[in-house]
Amino acid sequence: MKVVETGNGARVMKNGGLDPQRVSFDKIPVIDLEPMFSGDAGAKEKLAADLRKACTEVGFLYIKNHHFPADVLAATFAAAEAYFALPDEVKMKNHVSKSKNNRGYAAMLEENTDPTARGDLHESYDIALDVPADDPDVLAGKVLYGPNQWPEDAPALRAALESYHAEMLTLSGHLLHAFALALGLDEAYFDQMVDKPLATLRVLHYPPQFGEIDDRQIGIGAHSDYECFTILAQQDGISALQVLNASGEWIAADPVPGCFVVNVGDQMARWTNDLFASTVHRAINRSGRERYSIPFFFGPNYDTLVEALPSCVDEDHPAKYPPVTSGDYINGRFAATFAHYAEAQKKEAGA
């Protein structure tokens, strides 16, 4: 058995190498999000029940009929591919170390999501909610807020990512309403907690891996996500994502045309007292092709207190986790994952 440390504790996986178990797609459920747009009460009730089942039993799901513009998705994949093809010295002009709030480019092996591993075999570009440098929250030292940095050599990347981020905020609002209903809450329960969300958008490039692979150095190591939920776009026909099930077995989460992958994050697991599963996952690109993916991580405002919801605790199920603000939780997880971020935090603390 191998143990993976996450922000919510240890998870166990069986020793099974790098090959996932292949199962039919209905093992990772497909949720139709159309009722959140049509407003039909009965259809919303069914959606909420389906979503609750998916989140309690799997923690991963596909969503269809999400109303995300296909042209924005295509433009972002194209811009990402063009950007990552630039010379390393050009991309390093916007390295994340030049940003106080973890925005910009990170090179191969600079991130390490699994503390037992040797670095993740991908490169990335990160943006988040674009908050001006003179914003009161930025001036107060809430380091996850701040301005994005943009590459002068890739104007198409900025245009694509800004459009994608804006559309994802809209989609996340609909999805969060569905989560509220799935928890038996008013549809707008979380709205006041996400009017200035910690919402990070990444584009990722994974080179293919050939031959014998060291399981300590793969595309992205075993981990759980930190925020409420992640909405992931995968390229059709390129398999890499694997999900750890309750039995400690890796299940393939292959791309499904027209669908996003959604997974529960650690903050939602804390809110629900682990009723909703924050599921460990990893990516190994053995497709023989370059792989690009676009994850969007959606979490509440910096000062939102994340603690077990009243409907998720009782005498038999006391709160498992101490209350923590969203900002403090994410800061801690970033420091554990990104060496440059941890170093910047140390310098800031010693200033």
Foldseek 3Di string as FASTA:
>chain_A
DDWFQALQGIDDFDPDPDDFDEDDQVVAPEQELVCLVVVDPVNLLVSLQVVLCNQQAPQKHKYFPLPQDPVLVVLQVVLLVVVVPDDPVQQCVFDLLVAQQRFGKDAFQQWAQTPVFRGAGKIKGKDWPADDCPPPCNVVPLRNYHHHDDRPVRPSNVVSVVSVRVSVVVSVLSVQLSNQVNLVHHSCVCVVFAPPWSKMKMKMKHAADDDDDDLRYFNHHKYFAAAQKKWKDWDAPWWWKWWQGPVNGTYTPHDDPRITMMGGGPLNCQQLLNSGPRTIMGTHGNPNHMIMMMMMGIHTDQADWRHHDPSRDDPVRHRPDDIDGSSVRVLVSCLVTGVSSVVSVVVVVVD
